[in-house]
Amino acid sequence: MTLASIRKGLDSVVGPKSKLSKSLRKPKATWVEPVFSVEIEYRDITSEGLLRASSFKAISRK
């Protein structure tokens, strides 16, 4: 899957606001409806609940 095809898929599901349970201050963020599953790897989770040393592996539509 290429970056262009991922962007095209995300552009088709842009939503009005974040669906996250914890708010983030990201004024320039573009939020999308949660219709994709992403496979990632990470080393640890911080005390704030964020992923440390994460890397993208795959994406698929639910």
N, C-alpha and C. Protein backbone atom coordinates (compact mmCIF):
# COMPACT_ATOMS: atom_id res chain seq x y z
N MET A 1 0.85 -1.17 0.00
CA MET A 1 0.00 0.00 0.00
C MET A 1 0.90 1.23 0.00
N THR A 2 0.58 2.18 -0.86
CA THR A 2 1.39 3.38 -0.95
C THR A 2 0.82 4.50 -0.09
N LEU A 3 1.65 5.49 0.17
CA LEU A 3 1.21 6.65 0.94
C LEU A 3 0.02 7.34 0.27
N ALA A 4 0.04 7.44 -1.06
CA ALA A 4 -1.06 8.08 -1.79
C ALA A 4 -2.37 7.31 -1.59
N SER A 5 -2.34 5.99 -1.60
CA SER A 5 -3.57 5.22 -1.42
C SER A 5 -4.06 5.30 0.03
N ILE A 6 -3.15 5.36 0.99
CA ILE A 6 -3.54 5.54 2.38
C ILE A 6 -4.21 6.90 2.55
N ARG A 7 -3.62 7.94 1.98
CA ARG A 7 -4.19 9.29 2.07
C ARG A 7 -5.58 9.35 1.44
N LYS A 8 -5.75 8.71 0.28
CA LYS A 8 -7.04 8.70 -0.41
C LYS A 8 -8.09 8.03 0.48
N GLY A 9 -7.74 6.91 1.11
CA GLY A 9 -8.65 6.23 2.01
C GLY A 9 -9.02 7.07 3.22
N LEU A 10 -8.03 7.75 3.80
CA LEU A 10 -8.29 8.62 4.96
C LEU A 10 -9.13 9.84 4.59
N ASP A 11 -8.87 10.42 3.42
CA ASP A 11 -9.64 11.57 2.97
C ASP A 11 -11.12 11.24 2.82
N SER A 12 -11.44 9.97 2.55
CA SER A 12 -12.83 9.57 2.35
C SER A 12 -13.60 9.43 3.67
N VAL A 13 -12.91 9.46 4.80
CA VAL A 13 -13.58 9.27 6.10
C VAL A 13 -13.26 10.38 7.11
N VAL A 14 -12.97 11.59 6.62
CA VAL A 14 -12.69 12.71 7.51
C VAL A 14 -13.93 12.99 8.36
N GLY A 15 -13.71 13.15 9.67
CA GLY A 15 -14.81 13.41 10.60
C GLY A 15 -14.68 14.77 11.24
N PRO A 16 -15.73 15.21 11.93
CA PRO A 16 -15.72 16.56 12.51
C PRO A 16 -14.89 16.72 13.77
N LYS A 17 -14.69 15.63 14.55
CA LYS A 17 -13.93 15.78 15.79
C LYS A 17 -13.29 14.45 16.19
N SER A 18 -12.45 14.51 17.19
CA SER A 18 -11.73 13.34 17.69
C SER A 18 -12.68 12.33 18.32
N LYS A 19 -12.41 11.05 18.14
CA LYS A 19 -13.18 9.98 18.78
C LYS A 19 -12.40 9.39 19.96
N LEU A 20 -11.28 10.03 20.33
CA LEU A 20 -10.45 9.53 21.42
C LEU A 20 -11.11 9.79 22.77
N SER A 21 -10.90 8.89 23.71
CA SER A 21 -11.45 9.08 25.05
C SER A 21 -10.66 10.11 25.85
N LYS A 22 -9.40 10.30 25.49
CA LYS A 22 -8.55 11.29 26.14
C LYS A 22 -8.29 12.42 25.15
N SER A 23 -8.61 13.65 25.53
CA SER A 23 -8.45 14.76 24.58
C SER A 23 -6.97 15.10 24.38
N LEU A 24 -6.67 15.51 23.16
CA LEU A 24 -5.32 15.94 22.78
C LEU A 24 -5.41 17.35 22.23
N ARG A 25 -4.43 18.17 22.54
CA ARG A 25 -4.39 19.53 22.01
C ARG A 25 -3.62 19.52 20.70
N LYS A 26 -4.32 19.28 19.63
CA LYS A 26 -3.73 19.23 18.29
C LYS A 26 -4.61 20.07 17.36
N PRO A 27 -4.45 21.41 17.39
CA PRO A 27 -5.34 22.28 16.62
C PRO A 27 -5.28 22.06 15.11
N LYS A 28 -4.19 21.55 14.58
CA LYS A 28 -4.07 21.34 13.14
C LYS A 28 -4.37 19.90 12.72
N ALA A 29 -4.80 19.08 13.67
CA ALA A 29 -5.08 17.67 13.37
C ALA A 29 -6.32 17.53 12.49
N THR A 30 -6.29 16.53 11.62
CA THR A 30 -7.46 16.16 10.84
C THR A 30 -7.94 14.83 11.40
N TRP A 31 -9.17 14.79 11.90
CA TRP A 31 -9.71 13.59 12.53
C TRP A 31 -10.49 12.78 11.50
N VAL A 32 -10.39 11.48 11.58
CA VAL A 32 -11.10 10.59 10.67
C VAL A 32 -11.96 9.61 11.46
N GLU A 33 -13.01 9.11 10.81
CA GLU A 33 -13.86 8.10 11.43
C GLU A 33 -13.03 6.83 11.61
N PRO A 34 -13.24 6.10 12.70
CA PRO A 34 -12.42 4.91 12.99
C PRO A 34 -12.85 3.68 12.20
N VAL A 35 -12.53 3.67 10.91
CA VAL A 35 -12.91 2.53 10.06
C VAL A 35 -11.70 1.72 9.60
N PHE A 36 -10.52 2.09 10.06
CA PHE A 36 -9.31 1.37 9.69
C PHE A 36 -8.68 0.72 10.92
N SER A 37 -8.03 -0.39 10.71
CA SER A 37 -7.22 -1.03 11.76
C SER A 37 -5.77 -0.92 11.33
N VAL A 38 -4.92 -0.57 12.27
CA VAL A 38 -3.50 -0.39 11.97
C VAL A 38 -2.69 -1.33 12.85
N GLU A 39 -1.75 -2.02 12.25
CA GLU A 39 -0.85 -2.88 13.00
C GLU A 39 0.44 -2.10 13.25
N ILE A 40 0.84 -2.04 14.51
CA ILE A 40 2.06 -1.33 14.89
C ILE A 40 2.88 -2.19 15.83
N GLU A 41 4.12 -1.81 15.99
CA GLU A 41 4.99 -2.39 17.01
C GLU A 41 5.47 -1.24 17.88
N TYR A 42 5.70 -1.51 19.15
CA TYR A 42 6.21 -0.48 20.04
C TYR A 42 7.03 -1.13 21.15
N ARG A 43 7.89 -0.33 21.77
CA ARG A 43 8.76 -0.85 22.82
C ARG A 43 8.14 -0.74 24.20
N ASP A 44 7.37 0.33 24.43
CA ASP A 44 6.86 0.58 25.77
C ASP A 44 5.69 1.54 25.70
N ILE A 45 4.96 1.67 26.80
CA ILE A 45 3.90 2.66 26.94
C ILE A 45 4.31 3.60 28.07
N THR A 46 4.25 4.91 27.79
CA THR A 46 4.66 5.90 28.79
C THR A 46 3.63 5.99 29.91
N SER A 47 3.98 6.70 30.98
CA SER A 47 3.05 6.89 32.10
C SER A 47 1.81 7.67 31.67
N GLU A 48 1.91 8.43 30.56
CA GLU A 48 0.76 9.17 30.03
C GLU A 48 -0.10 8.30 29.11
N GLY A 49 0.30 7.06 28.89
CA GLY A 49 -0.45 6.15 28.02
C GLY A 49 -0.11 6.26 26.55
N LEU A 50 1.02 6.91 26.22
CA LEU A 50 1.45 7.05 24.84
C LEU A 50 2.46 5.96 24.49
N LEU A 51 2.52 5.61 23.20
CA LEU A 51 3.45 4.58 22.74
C LEU A 51 4.85 5.14 22.57
N ARG A 52 5.83 4.41 23.01
CA ARG A 52 7.23 4.81 22.87
C ARG A 52 7.88 3.93 21.80
N ALA A 53 8.65 4.55 20.92
CA ALA A 53 9.37 3.86 19.84
C ALA A 53 8.42 3.00 19.02
N SER A 54 7.34 3.63 18.53
CA SER A 54 6.36 2.89 17.74
C SER A 54 6.72 2.93 16.26
N SER A 55 6.30 1.89 15.53
CA SER A 55 6.52 1.85 14.09
C SER A 55 5.31 1.21 13.40
N PHE A 56 4.95 1.74 12.26
CA PHE A 56 3.82 1.30 11.44
C PHE A 56 4.18 0.00 10.73
N LYS A 57 3.25 -0.95 10.72
CA LYS A 57 3.46 -2.22 10.04
C LYS A 57 2.46 -2.44 8.90
N ALA A 58 1.15 -2.19 9.15
CA ALA A 58 0.13 -2.45 8.12
C ALA A 58 -1.15 -1.69 8.45
N ILE A 59 -2.01 -1.51 7.44
CA ILE A 59 -3.31 -0.87 7.62
C ILE A 59 -4.36 -1.67 6.84
N SER A 60 -5.55 -1.79 7.40
CA SER A 60 -6.64 -2.46 6.70
C SER A 60 -7.96 -1.82 7.10
N ARG A 61 -8.93 -1.91 6.22
CA ARG A 61 -10.26 -1.34 6.49
C ARG A 61 -11.09 -2.40 7.20
N LYS A 62 -11.80 -1.99 8.25
CA LYS A 62 -12.63 -2.91 9.04
C LYS A 62 -13.78 -3.45 8.20
